[in-house]
Amino acid sequence: VFLLAGHLPEFPDDQQIVLNHGYTAELSQ
């Protein structure tokens, strides 16, 4: 999450950054 966003939000905002990035469903999950 830190590498994607450049900062470190708390749960569950950190999850949303990953889910919105466009990875495959399996990797995102």
PDB file of all heavy atoms in Angstrom:
ATOM      1  N   VAL A   1       0.831  -1.202   0.000  1.00  0.00           N
ATOM      2  CA  VAL A   1       0.000   0.000   0.000  1.00  0.00           C
ATOM      3  C   VAL A   1       0.864   1.250   0.000  1.00  0.00           C
ATOM      4  O   VAL A   1       0.603   2.219  -0.720  1.00  0.00           O
ATOM      5  CB  VAL A   1      -0.952  -0.006   1.216  1.00  0.00           C
ATOM      6  CG1 VAL A   1      -1.648   1.346   1.362  1.00  0.00           C
ATOM      7  CG2 VAL A   1      -1.978  -1.114   1.086  1.00  0.00           C
ATOM      8  N   PHE A   2       1.919   1.246   0.802  1.00  0.00           N
ATOM      9  CA  PHE A   2       2.838   2.386   0.871  1.00  0.00           C
ATOM     10  C   PHE A   2       3.470   2.663  -0.488  1.00  0.00           C
ATOM     11  O   PHE A   2       3.599   3.821  -0.904  1.00  0.00           O
ATOM     12  CB  PHE A   2       3.907   2.111   1.924  1.00  0.00           C
ATOM     13  CG  PHE A   2       5.027   3.107   1.933  1.00  0.00           C
ATOM     14  CD1 PHE A   2       4.844   4.382   2.455  1.00  0.00           C
ATOM     15  CD2 PHE A   2       6.269   2.778   1.410  1.00  0.00           C
ATOM     16  CE1 PHE A   2       5.883   5.312   2.453  1.00  0.00           C
ATOM     17  CE2 PHE A   2       7.313   3.695   1.406  1.00  0.00           C
ATOM     18  CZ  PHE A   2       7.117   4.961   1.932  1.00  0.00           C
ATOM     19  N   LEU A   3       3.870   1.624  -1.199  1.00  0.00           N
ATOM     20  CA  LEU A   3       4.484   1.818  -2.504  1.00  0.00           C
ATOM     21  C   LEU A   3       3.480   2.362  -3.515  1.00  0.00           C
ATOM     22  O   LEU A   3       3.829   3.175  -4.371  1.00  0.00           O
ATOM     23  CB  LEU A   3       5.072   0.498  -3.016  1.00  0.00           C
ATOM     24  CG  LEU A   3       6.237  -0.090  -2.220  1.00  0.00           C
ATOM     25  CD1 LEU A   3       6.791  -1.326  -2.920  1.00  0.00           C
ATOM     26  CD2 LEU A   3       7.348   0.932  -2.014  1.00  0.00           C
ATOM     27  N   LEU A   4       2.236   1.932  -3.419  1.00  0.00           N
ATOM     28  CA  LEU A   4       1.214   2.408  -4.347  1.00  0.00           C
ATOM     29  C   LEU A   4       0.821   3.854  -4.068  1.00  0.00           C
ATOM     30  O   LEU A   4       0.710   4.675  -4.984  1.00  0.00           O
ATOM     31  CB  LEU A   4      -0.031   1.517  -4.259  1.00  0.00           C
ATOM     32  CG  LEU A   4       0.077   0.081  -4.787  1.00  0.00           C
ATOM     33  CD1 LEU A   4      -1.221  -0.666  -4.507  1.00  0.00           C
ATOM     34  CD2 LEU A   4       0.385   0.076  -6.280  1.00  0.00           C
ATOM     35  N   ALA A   5       0.625   4.176  -2.787  1.00  0.00           N
ATOM     36  CA  ALA A   5       0.038   5.471  -2.420  1.00  0.00           C
ATOM     37  C   ALA A   5       1.070   6.510  -1.994  1.00  0.00           C
ATOM     38  O   ALA A   5       0.781   7.708  -2.041  1.00  0.00           O
ATOM     39  CB  ALA A   5      -0.983   5.276  -1.301  1.00  0.00           C
ATOM     40  N   GLY A   6       2.230   6.086  -1.547  1.00  0.00           N
ATOM     41  CA  GLY A   6       3.215   7.029  -1.031  1.00  0.00           C
ATOM     42  C   GLY A   6       2.950   7.418   0.408  1.00  0.00           C
ATOM     43  O   GLY A   6       3.697   8.196   0.986  1.00  0.00           O
ATOM     44  N   HIS A   7       1.892   6.894   0.998  1.00  0.00           N
ATOM     45  CA  HIS A   7       1.589   7.108   2.413  1.00  0.00           C
ATOM     46  C   HIS A   7       0.902   5.848   2.931  1.00  0.00           C
ATOM     47  O   HIS A   7       0.709   4.888   2.172  1.00  0.00           O
ATOM     48  CB  HIS A   7       0.698   8.346   2.615  1.00  0.00           C
ATOM     49  CG  HIS A   7      -0.646   8.243   1.974  1.00  0.00           C
ATOM     50  ND1 HIS A   7      -0.853   8.436   0.609  1.00  0.00           N
ATOM     51  CD2 HIS A   7      -1.881   7.952   2.481  1.00  0.00           C
ATOM     52  CE1 HIS A   7      -2.130   8.284   0.321  1.00  0.00           C
ATOM     53  NE2 HIS A   7      -2.767   7.993   1.430  1.00  0.00           N
ATOM     54  N   LEU A   8       0.505   5.851   4.185  1.00  0.00           N
ATOM     55  CA  LEU A   8      -0.020   4.637   4.785  1.00  0.00           C
ATOM     56  C   LEU A   8      -1.328   4.903   5.526  1.00  0.00           C
ATOM     57  O   LEU A   8      -1.326   5.181   6.726  1.00  0.00           O
ATOM     58  CB  LEU A   8       1.014   4.048   5.748  1.00  0.00           C
ATOM     59  CG  LEU A   8       0.908   2.559   6.051  1.00  0.00           C
ATOM     60  CD1 LEU A   8       0.914   1.736   4.771  1.00  0.00           C
ATOM     61  CD2 LEU A   8       2.058   2.129   6.941  1.00  0.00           C
ATOM     62  N   PRO A   9      -2.467   4.833   4.823  1.00  0.00           N
ATOM     63  CA  PRO A   9      -3.759   5.035   5.481  1.00  0.00           C
ATOM     64  C   PRO A   9      -4.102   3.851   6.385  1.00  0.00           C
ATOM     65  O   PRO A   9      -3.521   2.769   6.270  1.00  0.00           O
ATOM     66  CB  PRO A   9      -4.732   5.130   4.302  1.00  0.00           C
ATOM     67  CG  PRO A   9      -4.075   4.341   3.210  1.00  0.00           C
ATOM     68  CD  PRO A   9      -2.598   4.553   3.390  1.00  0.00           C
ATOM     69  N   GLU A  10      -5.028   4.057   7.272  1.00  0.00           N
ATOM     70  CA  GLU A  10      -5.435   3.000   8.189  1.00  0.00           C
ATOM     71  C   GLU A  10      -6.507   2.117   7.560  1.00  0.00           C
ATOM     72  O   GLU A  10      -7.115   2.450   6.557  1.00  0.00           O
ATOM     73  CB  GLU A  10      -5.945   3.611   9.503  1.00  0.00           C
ATOM     74  CG  GLU A  10      -4.878   4.353  10.286  1.00  0.00           C
ATOM     75  CD  GLU A  10      -3.689   3.472  10.620  1.00  0.00           C
ATOM     76  OE1 GLU A  10      -3.907   2.302  10.996  1.00  0.00           O
ATOM     77  OE2 GLU A  10      -2.538   3.933  10.498  1.00  0.00           O
ATOM     78  N   PHE A  11      -6.744   0.970   8.177  1.00  0.00           N
ATOM     79  CA  PHE A  11      -7.780   0.031   7.759  1.00  0.00           C
ATOM     80  C   PHE A  11      -9.150   0.684   7.947  1.00  0.00           C
ATOM     81  O   PHE A  11      -9.389   1.340   8.959  1.00  0.00           O
ATOM     82  CB  PHE A  11      -7.670  -1.236   8.614  1.00  0.00           C
ATOM     83  CG  PHE A  11      -8.656  -2.305   8.295  1.00  0.00           C
ATOM     84  CD1 PHE A  11      -8.384  -3.228   7.294  1.00  0.00           C
ATOM     85  CD2 PHE A  11      -9.852  -2.398   8.988  1.00  0.00           C
ATOM     86  CE1 PHE A  11      -9.294  -4.231   6.997  1.00  0.00           C
ATOM     87  CE2 PHE A  11     -10.764  -3.393   8.698  1.00  0.00           C
ATOM     88  CZ  PHE A  11     -10.486  -4.311   7.706  1.00  0.00           C
ATOM     89  N   PRO A  12     -10.089   0.552   6.983  1.00  0.00           N
ATOM     90  CA  PRO A  12     -10.044  -0.211   5.740  1.00  0.00           C
ATOM     91  C   PRO A  12      -9.651   0.628   4.508  1.00  0.00           C
ATOM     92  O   PRO A  12      -9.750   0.135   3.382  1.00  0.00           O
ATOM     93  CB  PRO A  12     -11.479  -0.703   5.601  1.00  0.00           C
ATOM     94  CG  PRO A  12     -12.288   0.440   6.152  1.00  0.00           C
ATOM     95  CD  PRO A  12     -11.470   1.039   7.266  1.00  0.00           C
ATOM     96  N   ASP A  13      -9.199   1.872   4.730  1.00  0.00           N
ATOM     97  CA  ASP A  13      -8.817   2.704   3.583  1.00  0.00           C
ATOM     98  C   ASP A  13      -7.638   2.099   2.826  1.00  0.00           C
ATOM     99  O   ASP A  13      -7.521   2.263   1.609  1.00  0.00           O
ATOM    100  CB  ASP A  13      -8.469   4.122   4.055  1.00  0.00           C
ATOM    101  CG  ASP A  13      -9.679   4.854   4.610  1.00  0.00           C
ATOM    102  OD1 ASP A  13     -10.810   4.476   4.251  1.00  0.00           O
ATOM    103  OD2 ASP A  13      -9.496   5.795   5.400  1.00  0.00           O
ATOM    104  N   ASP A  14      -6.749   1.402   3.552  1.00  0.00           N
ATOM    105  CA  ASP A  14      -5.619   0.776   2.867  1.00  0.00           C
ATOM    106  C   ASP A  14      -6.093  -0.328   1.925  1.00  0.00           C
ATOM    107  O   ASP A  14      -5.556  -0.510   0.828  1.00  0.00           O
ATOM    108  CB  ASP A  14      -4.599   0.240   3.876  1.00  0.00           C
ATOM    109  CG  ASP A  14      -5.213  -0.655   4.945  1.00  0.00           C
ATOM    110  OD1 ASP A  14      -6.433  -0.866   4.923  1.00  0.00           O
ATOM    111  OD2 ASP A  14      -4.451  -1.145   5.808  1.00  0.00           O
ATOM    112  N   GLN A  15      -7.137  -1.044   2.330  1.00  0.00           N
ATOM    113  CA  GLN A  15      -7.708  -2.072   1.459  1.00  0.00           C
ATOM    114  C   GLN A  15      -8.240  -1.465   0.169  1.00  0.00           C
ATOM    115  O   GLN A  15      -8.064  -2.019  -0.925  1.00  0.00           O
ATOM    116  CB  GLN A  15      -8.840  -2.816   2.169  1.00  0.00           C
ATOM    117  CG  GLN A  15      -8.398  -3.778   3.252  1.00  0.00           C
ATOM    118  CD  GLN A  15      -9.568  -4.555   3.808  1.00  0.00           C
ATOM    119  OE1 GLN A  15     -10.661  -4.004   3.989  1.00  0.00           O
ATOM    120  NE2 GLN A  15      -9.361  -5.826   4.090  1.00  0.00           N
ATOM    121  N   GLN A  16      -8.890  -0.317   0.275  1.00  0.00           N
ATOM    122  CA  GLN A  16      -9.521   0.296  -0.885  1.00  0.00           C
ATOM    123  C   GLN A  16      -8.483   0.703  -1.924  1.00  0.00           C
ATOM    124  O   GLN A  16      -8.737   0.629  -3.129  1.00  0.00           O
ATOM    125  CB  GLN A  16     -10.344   1.511  -0.449  1.00  0.00           C
ATOM    126  CG  GLN A  16     -11.477   1.858  -1.403  1.00  0.00           C
ATOM    127  CD  GLN A  16     -12.445   0.705  -1.595  1.00  0.00           C
ATOM    128  OE1 GLN A  16     -12.876   0.061  -0.644  1.00  0.00           O
ATOM    129  NE2 GLN A  16     -12.768   0.416  -2.850  1.00  0.00           N
ATOM    130  N   ILE A  17      -7.315   1.143  -1.488  1.00  0.00           N
ATOM    131  CA  ILE A  17      -6.254   1.514  -2.426  1.00  0.00           C
ATOM    132  C   ILE A  17      -5.861   0.329  -3.285  1.00  0.00           C
ATOM    133  O   ILE A  17      -5.678   0.444  -4.511  1.00  0.00           O
ATOM    134  CB  ILE A  17      -5.033   2.056  -1.656  1.00  0.00           C
ATOM    135  CG1 ILE A  17      -5.352   3.444  -1.095  1.00  0.00           C
ATOM    136  CG2 ILE A  17      -3.802   2.109  -2.546  1.00  0.00           C
ATOM    137  CD1 ILE A  17      -4.268   4.029  -0.239  1.00  0.00           C
ATOM    138  N   VAL A  18      -5.768  -0.834  -2.674  1.00  0.00           N
ATOM    139  CA  VAL A  18      -5.408  -2.050  -3.413  1.00  0.00           C
ATOM    140  C   VAL A  18      -6.537  -2.454  -4.356  1.00  0.00           C
ATOM    141  O   VAL A  18      -6.312  -2.757  -5.532  1.00  0.00           O
ATOM    142  CB  VAL A  18      -5.085  -3.201  -2.439  1.00  0.00           C
ATOM    143  CG1 VAL A  18      -4.846  -4.492  -3.206  1.00  0.00           C
ATOM    144  CG2 VAL A  18      -3.884  -2.852  -1.585  1.00  0.00           C
ATOM    145  N   LEU A  19      -7.765  -2.448  -3.862  1.00  0.00           N
ATOM    146  CA  LEU A  19      -8.899  -2.897  -4.662  1.00  0.00           C
ATOM    147  C   LEU A  19      -9.146  -1.989  -5.858  1.00  0.00           C
ATOM    148  O   LEU A  19      -9.664  -2.428  -6.891  1.00  0.00           O
ATOM    149  CB  LEU A  19     -10.156  -2.967  -3.787  1.00  0.00           C
ATOM    150  CG  LEU A  19     -10.113  -4.019  -2.665  1.00  0.00           C
ATOM    151  CD1 LEU A  19     -11.336  -3.876  -1.764  1.00  0.00           C
ATOM    152  CD2 LEU A  19     -10.052  -5.429  -3.251  1.00  0.00           C
ATOM    153  N   ASN A  20      -8.752  -0.718  -5.747  1.00  0.00           N
ATOM    154  CA  ASN A  20      -8.979   0.241  -6.835  1.00  0.00           C
ATOM    155  C   ASN A  20      -7.842   0.286  -7.840  1.00  0.00           C
ATOM    156  O   ASN A  20      -7.921   1.025  -8.827  1.00  0.00           O
ATOM    157  CB  ASN A  20      -9.183   1.653  -6.263  1.00  0.00           C
ATOM    158  CG  ASN A  20     -10.486   1.774  -5.501  1.00  0.00           C
ATOM    159  OD1 ASN A  20     -11.388   0.953  -5.655  1.00  0.00           O
ATOM    160  ND2 ASN A  20     -10.590   2.793  -4.668  1.00  0.00           N
ATOM    161  N   HIS A  21      -6.781  -0.484  -7.610  1.00  0.00           N
ATOM    162  CA  HIS A  21      -5.595  -0.323  -8.438  1.00  0.00           C
ATOM    163  C   HIS A  21      -5.680  -1.041  -9.778  1.00  0.00           C
ATOM    164  O   HIS A  21      -4.951  -0.684 -10.712  1.00  0.00           O
ATOM    165  CB  HIS A  21      -4.348  -0.788  -7.685  1.00  0.00           C
ATOM    166  CG  HIS A  21      -3.066  -0.399  -8.358  1.00  0.00           C
ATOM    167  ND1 HIS A  21      -2.626   0.906  -8.432  1.00  0.00           N
ATOM    168  CD2 HIS A  21      -2.152  -1.134  -9.034  1.00  0.00           C
ATOM    169  CE1 HIS A  21      -1.494   0.953  -9.108  1.00  0.00           C
ATOM    170  NE2 HIS A  21      -1.177  -0.269  -9.483  1.00  0.00           N
ATOM    171  N   GLY A  22      -6.511  -2.047  -9.897  1.00  0.00           N
ATOM    172  CA  GLY A  22      -6.631  -2.731 -11.183  1.00  0.00           C
ATOM    173  C   GLY A  22      -5.863  -4.023 -11.285  1.00  0.00           C
ATOM    174  O   GLY A  22      -5.649  -4.530 -12.395  1.00  0.00           O
ATOM    175  N   TYR A  23      -5.436  -4.591 -10.174  1.00  0.00           N
ATOM    176  CA  TYR A  23      -4.807  -5.900 -10.201  1.00  0.00           C
ATOM    177  C   TYR A  23      -5.858  -6.963 -10.508  1.00  0.00           C
ATOM    178  O   TYR A  23      -7.068  -6.693 -10.467  1.00  0.00           O
ATOM    179  CB  TYR A  23      -4.144  -6.214  -8.849  1.00  0.00           C
ATOM    180  CG  TYR A  23      -2.904  -5.399  -8.557  1.00  0.00           C
ATOM    181  CD1 TYR A  23      -2.702  -4.830  -7.304  1.00  0.00           C
ATOM    182  CD2 TYR A  23      -1.916  -5.214  -9.522  1.00  0.00           C
ATOM    183  CE1 TYR A  23      -1.560  -4.100  -7.023  1.00  0.00           C
ATOM    184  CE2 TYR A  23      -0.774  -4.480  -9.252  1.00  0.00           C
ATOM    185  CZ  TYR A  23      -0.605  -3.921  -8.003  1.00  0.00           C
ATOM    186  OH  TYR A  23       0.528  -3.191  -7.737  1.00  0.00           O
ATOM    187  N   THR A  24      -5.401  -8.177 -10.807  1.00  0.00           N
ATOM    188  CA  THR A  24      -6.344  -9.271 -10.986  1.00  0.00           C
ATOM    189  C   THR A  24      -7.157  -9.443  -9.708  1.00  0.00           C
ATOM    190  O   THR A  24      -6.712  -9.096  -8.614  1.00  0.00           O
ATOM    191  CB  THR A  24      -5.613 -10.587 -11.295  1.00  0.00           C
ATOM    192  OG1 THR A  24      -4.793 -10.929 -10.172  1.00  0.00           O
ATOM    193  CG2 THR A  24      -4.753 -10.462 -12.553  1.00  0.00           C
ATOM    194  N   ALA A  25      -8.352  -9.991  -9.845  1.00  0.00           N
ATOM    195  CA  ALA A  25      -9.234 -10.155  -8.692  1.00  0.00           C
ATOM    196  C   ALA A  25      -8.572 -11.001  -7.611  1.00  0.00           C
ATOM    197  O   ALA A  25      -8.693 -10.717  -6.415  1.00  0.00           O
ATOM    198  CB  ALA A  25     -10.552 -10.780  -9.129  1.00  0.00           C
ATOM    199  N   GLU A  26      -7.840 -12.029  -8.029  1.00  0.00           N
ATOM    200  CA  GLU A  26      -7.215 -12.928  -7.063  1.00  0.00           C
ATOM    201  C   GLU A  26      -6.108 -12.220  -6.285  1.00  0.00           C
ATOM    202  O   GLU A  26      -6.014 -12.354  -5.057  1.00  0.00           O
ATOM    203  CB  GLU A  26      -6.641 -14.164  -7.780  1.00  0.00           C
ATOM    204  CG  GLU A  26      -7.682 -15.080  -8.394  1.00  0.00           C
ATOM    205  CD  GLU A  26      -8.174 -14.583  -9.749  1.00  0.00           C
ATOM    206  OE1 GLU A  26      -7.639 -13.541 -10.241  1.00  0.00           O
ATOM    207  OE2 GLU A  26      -9.096 -15.196 -10.305  1.00  0.00           O
ATOM    208  N   LEU A  27      -5.269 -11.448  -6.990  1.00  0.00           N
ATOM    209  CA  LEU A  27      -4.188 -10.745  -6.303  1.00  0.00           C
ATOM    210  C   LEU A  27      -4.745  -9.649  -5.404  1.00  0.00           C
ATOM    211  O   LEU A  27      -4.305  -9.482  -4.263  1.00  0.00           O
ATOM    212  CB  LEU A  27      -3.214 -10.149  -7.315  1.00  0.00           C
ATOM    213  CG  LEU A  27      -2.019  -9.367  -6.734  1.00  0.00           C
ATOM    214  CD1 LEU A  27      -1.203 -10.239  -5.787  1.00  0.00           C
ATOM    215  CD2 LEU A  27      -1.131  -8.817  -7.845  1.00  0.00           C
ATOM    216  N   SER A  28      -5.726  -8.907  -5.910  1.00  0.00           N
ATOM    217  CA  SER A  28      -6.345  -7.849  -5.096  1.00  0.00           C
ATOM    218  C   SER A  28      -6.933  -8.410  -3.820  1.00  0.00           C
ATOM    219  O   SER A  28      -6.776  -7.840  -2.726  1.00  0.00           O
ATOM    220  CB  SER A  28      -7.425  -7.130  -5.908  1.00  0.00           C
ATOM    221  OG  SER A  28      -6.881  -6.442  -6.993  1.00  0.00           O
ATOM    222  N   GLN A  29      -7.619  -9.537  -3.936  1.00  0.00           N
ATOM    223  CA  GLN A  29      -8.251 -10.140  -2.774  1.00  0.00           C
ATOM    224  C   GLN A  29      -7.217 -10.644  -1.775  1.00  0.00           C
ATOM    225  O   GLN A  29      -7.387 -10.518  -0.566  1.00  0.00           O
ATOM    226  CB  GLN A  29      -9.163 -11.296  -3.205  1.00  0.00           C
ATOM    227  CG  GLN A  29      -9.908 -11.966  -2.052  1.00  0.00           C
ATOM    228  CD  GLN A  29     -10.745 -10.991  -1.243  1.00  0.00           C
ATOM    229  OE1 GLN A  29     -11.380 -10.084  -1.795  1.00  0.00           O
ATOM    230  NE2 GLN A  29     -10.763 -11.152   0.073  1.00  0.00           N
TER     231      GLN A  29
END
